[in-house]
């Protein structure tokens, strides 16, 4: 990296932290309308930061919280990078379990503790500071070659509450307001998102694959009212029993999903991927200790990491039926229900899974029982080929920032906006996480390592130049 950029990063470490702490004090709880003013304050604060760097900046009003958009000038013949993030945060509840107040950033043991520290304010703003360092050395005007790529930012305020504003924006509902199509506004060669984690302390990672998801709610109905289980037991089918029977037929005792055709579109892990996962030093015993379980379970024939990152899964997320109060009540319930989800791998189609599941449930539904299947939401999986030149550029930038080359991992989670960028705009995504798995995102005592915060800024400052070097 240029010595001028390195010096700037070193000289501004304390100021970067002070800016981050100021932003973290804003309770931008996007899921709670009582905090709408502070959420908007966080958006305005960020927009001002971009303006102060000389970026063309817009606060795009939506049906919900505003989108913060900023961009550097286009670079003739150069690449364009779109940075996505979010400035809203999860509610801090239960507040009593926080060691220090959630919106009073506190440094302990090298970490900053605050809601939003890692998800996603702390990670997102590294890409603002990284650009700042680059521009301080070379200038914002790309016409003289000082900034070798164009950088755009799209930062939303409703990621934690469904992203209605961003969804409407990506569907083109605000094209008249912005004076062009959203495809023109967000035209880019690659998206960069830092809203995930490293593999482990000292092991930075690039997440090149995400699972998709489809989430269902199943309602099972029997008699027209709750019945006395003694007087009516053995005469009608019990919806709770029927629900249990139906759910247990979806997955066998080897962890294999039994929905017909479910595996038809599954892309198998390559030997290269399996070798990479096997070389990460993952310990099943440590994992069991961490989770407090005596044994692990999953699809036979695959390692724990392979199942977590590269194989589809089925899990019941909640069940209800009958009497659940204190003591006993001998009731035969009139209805029962369950919420469950399938995590999908790239190439699996959520709509095909829905159709196949509905057909299967109709075939196995017991006599005297009717059911209703509700599809809450679905999204396909994502994978960026390991041979992508963007992957190589990001790897070089991360090695410069963290002092070691990143490993390549997948995630069992889903980031819906990644699919939106791919399927609505045709843009792939680099997932560069600076956090750790134990950062307590969505939980009390959320934290972010300040050392990793600064390494993330360094990596971001390197990224622009590395992308510019691509053929």
Protein backbone atom coordinates (compact mmCIF):
# COMPACT_ATOMS: atom_id res chain seq x y z
CA UNK A 1 0.00 0.00 0.00
CA UNK A 2 1.09 3.59 -0.66
CA UNK A 3 3.00 5.03 2.33
CA UNK A 4 0.78 8.11 2.32
CA UNK A 5 -2.34 5.98 2.83
CA UNK A 6 -0.65 3.96 5.57
CA UNK A 7 0.40 7.12 7.39
CA UNK A 8 -3.10 8.58 7.10
CA UNK A 9 -4.64 5.43 8.59
CA UNK A 10 -2.21 5.51 11.50
CA UNK A 11 -2.69 9.23 12.17
CA UNK A 12 -6.49 8.97 12.16
CA UNK A 13 -7.08 5.83 14.22
CA UNK A 14 -8.49 7.66 17.24
CA UNK A 15 -10.67 9.89 15.08
CA UNK A 16 -12.09 6.86 13.21
CA UNK A 17 -13.03 5.32 16.55
CA UNK A 18 -14.56 8.57 17.81
CA UNK A 19 -16.70 8.84 14.67
CA UNK A 20 -17.82 5.24 15.01
CA UNK A 21 -18.74 5.75 18.69
CA UNK A 22 -20.72 8.89 17.81
CA UNK A 23 -22.72 6.91 15.24
CA UNK A 24 -23.26 3.99 17.62
CA UNK A 25 -24.84 6.33 20.18
CA UNK A 26 -27.74 6.88 17.78
CA UNK A 27 -30.44 4.32 18.64
CA UNK A 28 -31.39 3.57 15.03
CA UNK A 29 -33.72 0.68 15.91
CA UNK A 30 -35.38 0.12 12.55
CA UNK A 31 -37.93 -2.36 13.90
CA UNK A 32 -39.45 0.12 16.38
CA UNK A 33 -41.23 3.25 15.09
CA UNK A 34 -40.62 4.96 18.45
CA UNK A 35 -37.01 5.31 17.30
CA UNK A 36 -37.74 6.63 13.80
CA UNK A 37 -36.22 10.03 14.60
CA UNK A 38 -32.92 8.51 15.75
CA UNK A 39 -32.89 6.13 12.81
CA UNK A 40 -33.25 9.06 10.43
CA UNK A 41 -30.60 10.95 12.38
CA UNK A 42 -28.20 8.06 11.71
CA UNK A 43 -28.95 8.28 7.98
CA UNK A 44 -28.40 12.05 7.87
CA UNK A 45 -25.16 11.70 9.85
CA UNK A 46 -23.83 9.17 7.33
CA UNK A 47 -24.89 11.27 4.35
CA UNK A 48 -22.99 14.24 5.78
CA UNK A 49 -19.86 12.09 6.09
CA UNK A 50 -20.05 11.23 2.39
CA UNK A 51 -20.67 14.86 1.44
CA UNK A 52 -17.66 15.97 3.46
CA UNK A 53 -15.51 13.61 1.38
CA UNK A 54 -16.71 15.32 -1.77
CA UNK A 55 -18.97 12.49 -2.94
CA UNK A 56 -22.18 13.15 -4.82
CA UNK A 57 -24.71 12.20 -2.14
CA UNK A 58 -28.48 11.66 -2.06
CA UNK A 59 -30.90 10.86 0.73
CA UNK A 60 -33.52 8.87 -1.19
CA UNK A 61 -36.92 8.91 0.50
CA UNK A 62 -38.83 5.63 0.45
CA UNK A 63 -41.97 4.12 1.95
CA UNK A 64 -39.86 3.51 5.05
CA UNK A 65 -36.49 4.81 6.18
CA UNK A 66 -34.39 6.71 3.61
CA UNK A 67 -31.64 5.16 1.53
CA UNK A 68 -28.24 6.83 1.74
CA UNK A 69 -26.66 6.90 -1.72
CA UNK A 70 -23.23 8.30 -2.57
CA UNK A 71 -20.77 7.97 -5.42
CA UNK A 72 -17.37 9.09 -6.65
CA UNK A 73 -17.01 10.25 -10.27
CA UNK A 74 -17.01 7.61 -13.04
CA UNK A 75 -13.60 6.40 -14.22
CA UNK A 76 -13.35 5.98 -17.98
CA UNK A 77 -12.58 2.35 -18.75
CA UNK A 78 -12.46 1.50 -15.04
CA UNK A 79 -14.48 -0.80 -12.82
CA UNK A 80 -17.35 0.28 -10.60
CA UNK A 81 -17.84 -1.09 -7.08
CA UNK A 82 -21.15 -0.84 -5.20
CA UNK A 83 -20.85 -1.00 -1.39
CA UNK A 84 -24.02 -2.08 0.43
CA UNK A 85 -24.68 -1.93 4.17
CA UNK A 86 -27.31 -0.86 6.69
CA UNK A 87 -27.46 1.76 9.41
CA UNK A 88 -30.43 0.31 11.34
CA UNK A 89 -29.87 -2.02 14.28
CA UNK A 90 -31.72 -4.68 16.23
CA UNK A 91 -33.60 -3.83 19.44
CA UNK A 92 -31.30 -4.16 22.45
CA UNK A 93 -33.73 -6.26 24.52
CA UNK A 94 -33.27 -7.70 27.07
CA UNK A 95 -31.48 -4.53 28.18
CA UNK A 96 -30.86 -5.87 31.69
CA UNK A 97 -28.44 -8.47 30.29
CA UNK A 98 -26.08 -5.85 28.90
CA UNK A 99 -22.96 -5.20 30.97
CA UNK A 100 -23.01 -1.56 29.87
CA UNK A 101 -25.84 0.40 28.19
CA UNK A 102 -26.34 -0.69 24.55
CA UNK A 103 -26.12 2.82 23.11
CA UNK A 104 -23.18 4.00 25.19
CA UNK A 105 -20.16 2.53 23.35
CA UNK A 106 -17.73 1.11 25.87
CA UNK A 107 -14.26 -0.32 25.22
CA UNK A 108 -13.29 -3.47 27.11
CA UNK A 109 -10.46 -5.89 26.30
CA UNK A 110 -9.88 -4.30 22.91
CA UNK A 111 -13.53 -4.51 21.85
CA UNK A 112 -16.19 -1.84 21.53
CA UNK A 113 -19.49 -2.95 23.07
CA UNK A 114 -22.66 -1.38 21.65
CA UNK A 115 -25.70 -2.30 19.62
CA UNK A 116 -24.72 -2.10 15.95
CA UNK A 117 -20.99 -2.42 16.66
CA UNK A 118 -20.60 -5.35 14.29
CA UNK A 119 -24.09 -5.51 12.71
CA UNK A 120 -23.61 -3.45 10.68
CA UNK A 121 -22.46 0.06 11.54
CA UNK A 122 -18.92 -0.88 12.54
CA UNK A 123 -18.29 -3.10 9.55
CA UNK A 124 -20.02 -0.87 7.00
CA UNK A 125 -18.22 2.33 7.95
CA UNK A 126 -14.80 0.74 7.35
CA UNK A 127 -15.54 1.23 3.64
CA UNK A 128 -16.15 4.94 4.17
CA UNK A 129 -12.93 5.38 6.13
CA UNK A 130 -11.01 3.20 3.66
CA UNK A 131 -12.10 5.45 0.82
CA UNK A 132 -11.32 8.54 2.91
CA UNK A 133 -7.74 7.37 3.38
CA UNK A 134 -7.35 6.69 -0.31
CA UNK A 135 -8.81 10.07 -1.28
CA UNK A 136 -6.70 11.95 1.27
CA UNK A 137 -3.63 10.67 -0.54
CA UNK A 138 -4.90 10.86 -4.11
CA UNK A 139 -8.04 12.99 -4.40
CA UNK A 140 -11.65 12.30 -5.30
CA UNK A 141 -11.50 13.39 -8.95
CA UNK A 142 -10.99 10.28 -11.05
CA UNK A 143 -10.19 12.25 -14.20
CA UNK A 144 -6.45 12.31 -13.45
CA UNK A 145 -6.31 8.63 -12.57
CA UNK A 146 -6.00 9.28 -8.84
CA UNK A 147 -8.98 7.07 -7.95
CA UNK A 148 -8.76 4.04 -10.26
CA UNK A 149 -12.33 2.81 -9.79
CA UNK A 150 -15.71 4.38 -9.24
CA UNK A 151 -17.18 3.62 -5.83
CA UNK A 152 -20.92 3.79 -5.12
CA UNK A 153 -22.62 3.33 -1.75
CA UNK A 154 -26.17 2.16 -1.06
CA UNK A 155 -26.89 2.05 2.68
CA UNK A 156 -30.40 1.20 3.89
CA UNK A 157 -32.22 1.68 7.19
CA UNK A 158 -34.63 -1.27 7.23
CA UNK A 159 -32.48 -4.38 6.87
CA UNK A 160 -33.55 -5.57 10.32
CA UNK A 161 -37.25 -4.99 9.59
CA UNK A 162 -37.76 -6.47 6.13
CA UNK A 163 -36.23 -3.86 3.81
CA UNK A 164 -39.51 -2.62 2.30
CA UNK A 165 -37.97 0.67 1.14
CA UNK A 166 -34.99 -0.97 -0.53
CA UNK A 167 -37.21 -3.61 -2.12
CA UNK A 168 -39.44 -0.92 -3.65
CA UNK A 169 -36.35 0.99 -4.83
CA UNK A 170 -34.85 -2.09 -6.51
CA UNK A 171 -38.19 -2.77 -8.24
CA UNK A 172 -38.03 0.68 -9.83
CA UNK A 173 -40.76 2.39 -7.84
CA UNK A 174 -38.63 5.51 -7.27
CA UNK A 175 -37.10 5.80 -10.75
CA UNK A 176 -38.93 9.10 -11.36
CA UNK A 177 -37.57 10.51 -8.12
CA UNK A 178 -33.96 9.68 -8.96
CA UNK A 179 -34.29 10.71 -12.62
CA UNK A 180 -33.08 7.40 -14.07
CA UNK A 181 -33.69 3.69 -13.78
CA UNK A 182 -32.42 1.89 -10.71
CA UNK A 183 -30.32 -0.29 -13.02
CA UNK A 184 -28.57 2.85 -14.28
CA UNK A 185 -28.19 4.27 -10.79
CA UNK A 186 -26.65 1.11 -9.36
CA UNK A 187 -24.76 -0.05 -12.45
CA UNK A 188 -21.63 -1.75 -11.15
CA UNK A 189 -19.26 -4.62 -11.78
CA UNK A 190 -19.36 -6.05 -8.25
CA UNK A 191 -21.10 -5.46 -4.90
CA UNK A 192 -19.11 -5.42 -1.65
CA UNK A 193 -20.85 -6.27 1.64
CA UNK A 194 -19.22 -6.48 5.06
CA UNK A 195 -22.01 -7.85 7.26
CA UNK A 196 -20.59 -11.27 8.15
CA UNK A 197 -17.69 -12.84 10.02
CA UNK A 198 -14.14 -14.06 9.74
CA UNK A 199 -13.64 -17.80 10.06
CA UNK A 200 -11.92 -17.45 13.45
CA UNK A 201 -9.66 -15.00 15.31
CA UNK A 202 -6.60 -14.46 13.15
CA UNK A 203 -8.27 -16.18 10.19
CA UNK A 204 -9.94 -13.63 7.91
CA UNK A 205 -12.35 -15.06 5.38
CA UNK A 206 -14.16 -14.40 2.15
CA UNK A 207 -17.65 -15.91 2.21
CA UNK A 208 -18.21 -17.09 -1.34
CA UNK A 209 -21.51 -18.93 -0.86
CA UNK A 210 -24.79 -18.47 0.99
CA UNK A 211 -27.68 -20.82 1.43
CA UNK A 212 -31.13 -19.94 0.23
CA UNK A 213 -34.25 -20.44 2.30
CA UNK A 214 -37.92 -21.22 2.11
CA UNK A 215 -40.00 -20.78 5.26
CA UNK A 216 -43.39 -22.41 5.84
CA UNK A 217 -46.16 -22.52 8.38
CA UNK A 218 -48.30 -25.67 8.47
CA UNK A 219 -51.79 -25.65 10.01
CA UNK A 220 -53.47 -28.99 10.75
CA UNK A 221 -57.20 -29.19 11.56
CA UNK A 222 -59.37 -31.98 12.98
CA UNK A 223 -62.69 -31.77 14.94
CA UNK A 224 -64.61 -28.50 15.12
CA UNK A 225 -63.66 -27.95 18.77
CA UNK A 226 -61.30 -29.23 21.46
CA UNK A 227 -62.53 -32.56 22.83
CA UNK A 228 -62.23 -34.56 26.07
CA UNK A 229 -59.41 -37.00 25.34
CA UNK A 230 -61.06 -39.73 27.39
CA UNK A 231 -64.55 -39.43 25.95
CA UNK A 232 -63.40 -38.96 22.35
CA UNK A 233 -59.90 -40.44 22.23
CA UNK A 234 -59.66 -43.30 19.76
CA UNK A 235 -62.66 -42.07 17.74
CA UNK A 236 -61.19 -39.17 15.73
CA UNK A 237 -57.72 -38.31 14.52
CA UNK A 238 -55.80 -36.04 16.86
CA UNK A 239 -54.33 -33.05 14.91
CA UNK A 240 -51.29 -32.91 17.19
CA UNK A 241 -50.55 -36.58 16.52
CA UNK A 242 -51.17 -36.06 12.81
CA UNK A 243 -48.83 -33.07 12.72
CA UNK A 244 -46.06 -35.07 14.36
CA UNK A 245 -46.56 -37.94 11.91
CA UNK A 246 -46.42 -35.61 8.91
CA UNK A 247 -43.33 -33.72 10.06
CA UNK A 248 -41.33 -36.85 10.87
CA UNK A 249 -41.82 -38.08 7.32
CA UNK A 250 -40.09 -35.02 5.83
CA UNK A 251 -36.63 -36.14 6.99
CA UNK A 252 -35.36 -39.67 7.70
CA UNK A 253 -33.09 -40.83 10.52
CA UNK A 254 -30.03 -40.37 8.29
CA UNK A 255 -30.75 -36.67 7.87
CA UNK A 256 -31.93 -37.11 4.28
CA UNK A 257 -34.92 -34.98 3.20
CA UNK A 258 -37.72 -37.09 1.74
CA UNK A 259 -39.58 -34.52 -0.36
CA UNK A 260 -39.71 -36.07 -3.86
CA UNK A 261 -37.23 -34.44 -6.25
CA UNK A 262 -35.70 -32.33 -3.48
CA UNK A 263 -32.11 -33.15 -4.43
CA UNK A 264 -32.57 -33.01 -8.21
CA UNK A 265 -31.01 -29.54 -8.56
CA UNK A 266 -28.47 -29.72 -5.74
CA UNK A 267 -24.98 -28.78 -6.94
CA UNK A 268 -22.53 -31.10 -5.21
CA UNK A 269 -19.48 -29.70 -3.46
CA UNK A 270 -16.32 -30.02 -5.53
CA UNK A 271 -13.31 -31.94 -4.28
CA UNK A 272 -11.48 -28.59 -4.08
CA UNK A 273 -14.16 -27.19 -1.78
CA UNK A 274 -14.23 -30.28 0.41
CA UNK A 275 -10.45 -30.13 0.65
CA UNK A 276 -10.56 -26.47 1.67
CA UNK A 277 -13.17 -27.11 4.34
CA UNK A 278 -11.17 -30.07 5.62
CA UNK A 279 -8.04 -27.94 5.92
CA UNK A 280 -9.59 -25.32 8.22
CA UNK A 281 -8.84 -27.25 11.40
CA UNK A 282 -12.47 -27.51 12.48
CA UNK A 283 -12.99 -29.69 15.58
CA UNK A 284 -16.25 -31.58 16.11
CA UNK A 285 -15.37 -32.01 19.79
CA UNK A 286 -14.85 -28.27 20.30
CA UNK A 287 -18.09 -27.60 18.44
CA UNK A 288 -20.01 -29.99 20.72
CA UNK A 289 -18.52 -28.32 23.79
CA UNK A 290 -19.40 -24.87 22.46
CA UNK A 291 -23.02 -25.90 21.88
CA UNK A 292 -23.40 -28.02 25.02
CA UNK A 293 -24.45 -31.19 23.19
CA UNK A 294 -23.18 -34.74 23.53
CA UNK A 295 -23.29 -35.58 19.83
CA UNK A 296 -23.79 -34.00 16.41
CA UNK A 297 -26.36 -34.97 13.80
CA UNK A 298 -26.82 -34.32 10.12
CA UNK A 299 -26.96 -35.84 6.66
CA UNK A 300 -24.88 -39.02 6.56
CA UNK A 301 -21.74 -39.00 4.42
CA UNK A 302 -20.75 -35.37 5.02
CA UNK A 303 -18.61 -33.53 7.55
CA UNK A 304 -20.03 -30.94 9.90
CA UNK A 305 -18.74 -28.01 7.83
CA UNK A 306 -19.96 -29.57 4.60
CA UNK A 307 -23.44 -29.93 6.08
CA UNK A 308 -23.41 -26.39 7.51
CA UNK A 309 -22.23 -24.68 4.35
CA UNK A 310 -22.91 -26.88 1.34
CA UNK A 311 -25.85 -29.20 1.96
CA UNK A 312 -29.59 -28.41 2.18
CA UNK A 313 -31.36 -28.85 5.50
CA UNK A 314 -34.81 -29.07 7.08
CA UNK A 315 -35.57 -27.77 10.57
CA UNK A 316 -38.71 -27.28 12.63
CA UNK A 317 -38.59 -23.76 14.07
CA UNK A 318 -41.66 -23.92 16.31
CA UNK A 319 -44.69 -26.09 17.15
CA UNK A 320 -47.97 -25.50 18.98
CA UNK A 321 -51.14 -27.38 19.87
CA UNK A 322 -53.52 -28.07 22.71
CA UNK A 323 -53.08 -27.12 26.34
CA UNK A 324 -49.73 -25.63 27.33
CA UNK A 325 -50.54 -24.07 30.71
CA UNK A 326 -49.47 -25.25 34.15
CA UNK A 327 -50.58 -28.69 35.25
CA UNK A 328 -52.64 -31.20 33.26
CA UNK A 329 -55.63 -30.84 30.99
CA UNK A 330 -56.83 -33.93 29.13
CA UNK A 331 -57.68 -32.31 25.84
CA UNK A 332 -57.80 -33.64 22.31
CA UNK A 333 -56.95 -30.42 20.40
CA UNK A 334 -58.93 -29.25 17.41
CA UNK A 335 -55.87 -27.97 15.59
CA UNK A 336 -52.08 -27.90 15.59
CA UNK A 337 -49.39 -25.99 13.80
CA UNK A 338 -45.69 -25.78 13.08
CA UNK A 339 -43.23 -23.38 11.52
CA UNK A 340 -40.34 -24.88 9.63
CA UNK A 341 -37.74 -23.98 7.06
CA UNK A 342 -35.55 -25.51 4.41
CA UNK A 343 -32.11 -24.05 3.85
CA UNK A 344 -31.31 -24.47 0.18
CA UNK A 345 -28.06 -24.61 -1.77
CA UNK A 346 -27.38 -22.80 -5.04
CA UNK A 347 -29.48 -23.98 -8.03
CA UNK A 348 -32.36 -25.20 -5.85
CA UNK A 349 -35.59 -23.39 -6.72
CA UNK A 350 -37.75 -22.42 -3.71
CA UNK A 351 -40.90 -22.57 -5.85
CA UNK A 352 -40.18 -26.15 -6.93
CA UNK A 353 -39.62 -27.14 -3.30
CA UNK A 354 -42.97 -25.56 -2.36
CA UNK A 355 -44.83 -27.45 -5.07
CA UNK A 356 -43.22 -30.78 -4.22
CA UNK A 357 -43.82 -30.35 -0.48
CA UNK A 358 -47.49 -29.43 -0.92
CA UNK A 359 -48.02 -32.54 -3.05
CA UNK A 360 -46.23 -34.75 -0.52
CA UNK A 361 -48.23 -33.40 2.43
CA UNK A 362 -51.48 -34.06 0.56
CA UNK A 363 -50.42 -37.67 0.05
CA UNK A 364 -49.39 -38.31 3.68
CA UNK A 365 -52.10 -36.31 5.44
CA UNK A 366 -53.99 -38.76 7.71
CA UNK A 367 -57.70 -39.48 7.29
CA UNK A 368 -60.03 -37.05 9.06
CA UNK A 369 -57.42 -34.28 8.94
CA UNK A 370 -57.11 -31.30 6.64
CA UNK A 371 -54.13 -29.00 6.35
CA UNK A 372 -53.13 -25.57 5.10
CA UNK A 373 -49.56 -24.75 4.06
CA UNK A 374 -48.49 -21.10 4.13
CA UNK A 375 -45.33 -19.98 2.35
CA UNK A 376 -43.90 -17.03 4.29
CA UNK A 377 -40.90 -16.28 2.08
CA UNK A 378 -38.17 -17.82 -0.01
CA UNK A 379 -34.89 -16.96 -1.70
CA UNK A 380 -32.39 -19.00 -3.69
CA UNK A 381 -28.80 -19.62 -2.64
CA UNK A 382 -25.74 -17.81 -3.97
CA UNK A 383 -22.20 -18.76 -4.87
CA UNK A 384 -19.39 -16.70 -6.40
CA UNK A 385 -16.92 -18.91 -8.29
CA UNK A 386 -13.60 -19.29 -6.50
CA UNK A 387 -11.84 -18.45 -9.76
CA UNK A 388 -13.45 -15.00 -9.98
CA UNK A 389 -10.83 -12.25 -10.46
CA UNK A 390 -12.75 -10.20 -7.88
CA UNK A 391 -12.06 -12.97 -5.38
CA UNK A 392 -8.35 -12.74 -6.07
CA UNK A 393 -8.37 -8.93 -5.75
CA UNK A 394 -10.21 -9.08 -2.43
CA UNK A 395 -7.85 -11.75 -1.17
CA UNK A 396 -4.81 -9.54 -1.85
CA UNK A 397 -6.47 -6.58 -0.12
CA UNK A 398 -7.35 -8.61 2.95
CA UNK A 399 -3.86 -10.09 3.19
CA UNK A 400 -2.47 -6.54 3.19
CA UNK A 401 -4.89 -5.43 5.91
CA UNK A 402 -4.84 -8.47 8.17
CA UNK A 403 -1.30 -9.73 7.55
CA UNK A 404 -2.51 -13.15 6.44
CA UNK A 405 -4.35 -14.50 3.42
CA UNK A 406 -8.07 -15.15 3.88
CA UNK A 407 -9.64 -18.59 3.80
CA UNK A 408 -12.67 -19.24 1.61
CA UNK A 409 -15.86 -20.29 3.38
CA UNK A 410 -19.56 -20.62 2.80
CA UNK A 411 -22.35 -19.70 5.19
CA UNK A 412 -25.45 -21.57 6.26
CA UNK A 413 -27.28 -18.27 6.52
CA UNK A 414 -29.06 -16.20 3.91
CA UNK A 415 -28.67 -12.53 2.91
CA UNK A 416 -31.70 -11.79 0.70
CA UNK A 417 -30.25 -8.58 -0.77
CA UNK A 418 -27.43 -10.60 -2.35
CA UNK A 419 -30.03 -12.45 -4.41
CA UNK A 420 -31.81 -9.20 -5.22
CA UNK A 421 -28.62 -7.69 -6.61
CA UNK A 422 -27.97 -10.84 -8.63
CA UNK A 423 -31.44 -11.45 -10.02
CA UNK A 424 -32.68 -7.87 -10.38
CA UNK A 425 -29.45 -6.18 -11.48
CA UNK A 426 -27.20 -9.06 -12.56
CA UNK A 427 -24.40 -8.13 -10.12
CA UNK A 428 -22.38 -10.63 -8.05
CA UNK A 429 -21.31 -9.90 -4.47
CA UNK A 430 -18.09 -10.10 -2.46
CA UNK A 431 -18.83 -10.89 1.19
CA UNK A 432 -15.91 -9.59 3.24
CA UNK A 433 -16.57 -9.99 6.94
CA UNK A 434 -14.47 -8.32 9.62
CA UNK A 435 -16.47 -9.62 12.62
CA UNK A 436 -16.26 -12.80 14.70
CA UNK A 437 -18.83 -15.52 15.37
CA UNK A 438 -18.93 -14.56 19.05
CA UNK A 439 -19.69 -10.86 18.46
CA UNK A 440 -23.23 -11.35 19.87
CA UNK A 441 -25.04 -9.73 16.98
CA UNK A 442 -28.78 -9.59 17.84
CA UNK A 443 -27.85 -10.43 21.47
CA UNK A 444 -26.83 -8.49 24.59
CA UNK A 445 -23.23 -7.27 24.75
CA UNK A 446 -22.76 -7.00 20.98
CA UNK A 447 -19.12 -6.21 20.29
CA UNK A 448 -16.55 -5.57 17.58
CA UNK A 449 -12.77 -5.89 17.85
CA UNK A 450 -11.19 -2.48 17.35
CA UNK A 451 -8.06 -4.14 15.95
CA UNK A 452 -10.20 -5.84 13.30
CA UNK A 453 -12.07 -2.58 12.72
CA UNK A 454 -8.79 -0.91 11.72
CA UNK A 455 -7.65 -3.93 9.70
CA UNK A 456 -10.96 -3.75 7.85
CA UNK A 457 -10.34 -0.07 7.03
CA UNK A 458 -6.85 -0.95 5.77
CA UNK A 459 -8.24 -3.78 3.63
CA UNK A 460 -10.92 -1.52 2.20
CA UNK A 461 -8.37 1.14 1.28
CA UNK A 462 -6.37 -1.55 -0.55
CA UNK A 463 -9.39 -2.99 -2.32
CA UNK A 464 -9.89 -0.12 -4.77
CA UNK A 465 -6.41 -0.42 -6.16
CA UNK A 466 -6.51 -4.20 -6.30
CA UNK A 467 -9.77 -4.18 -8.28
CA UNK A 468 -8.26 -1.62 -10.65
CA UNK A 469 -5.39 -4.04 -11.39
CA UNK A 470 -7.76 -6.73 -12.65
CA UNK A 471 -7.53 -7.66 -16.32
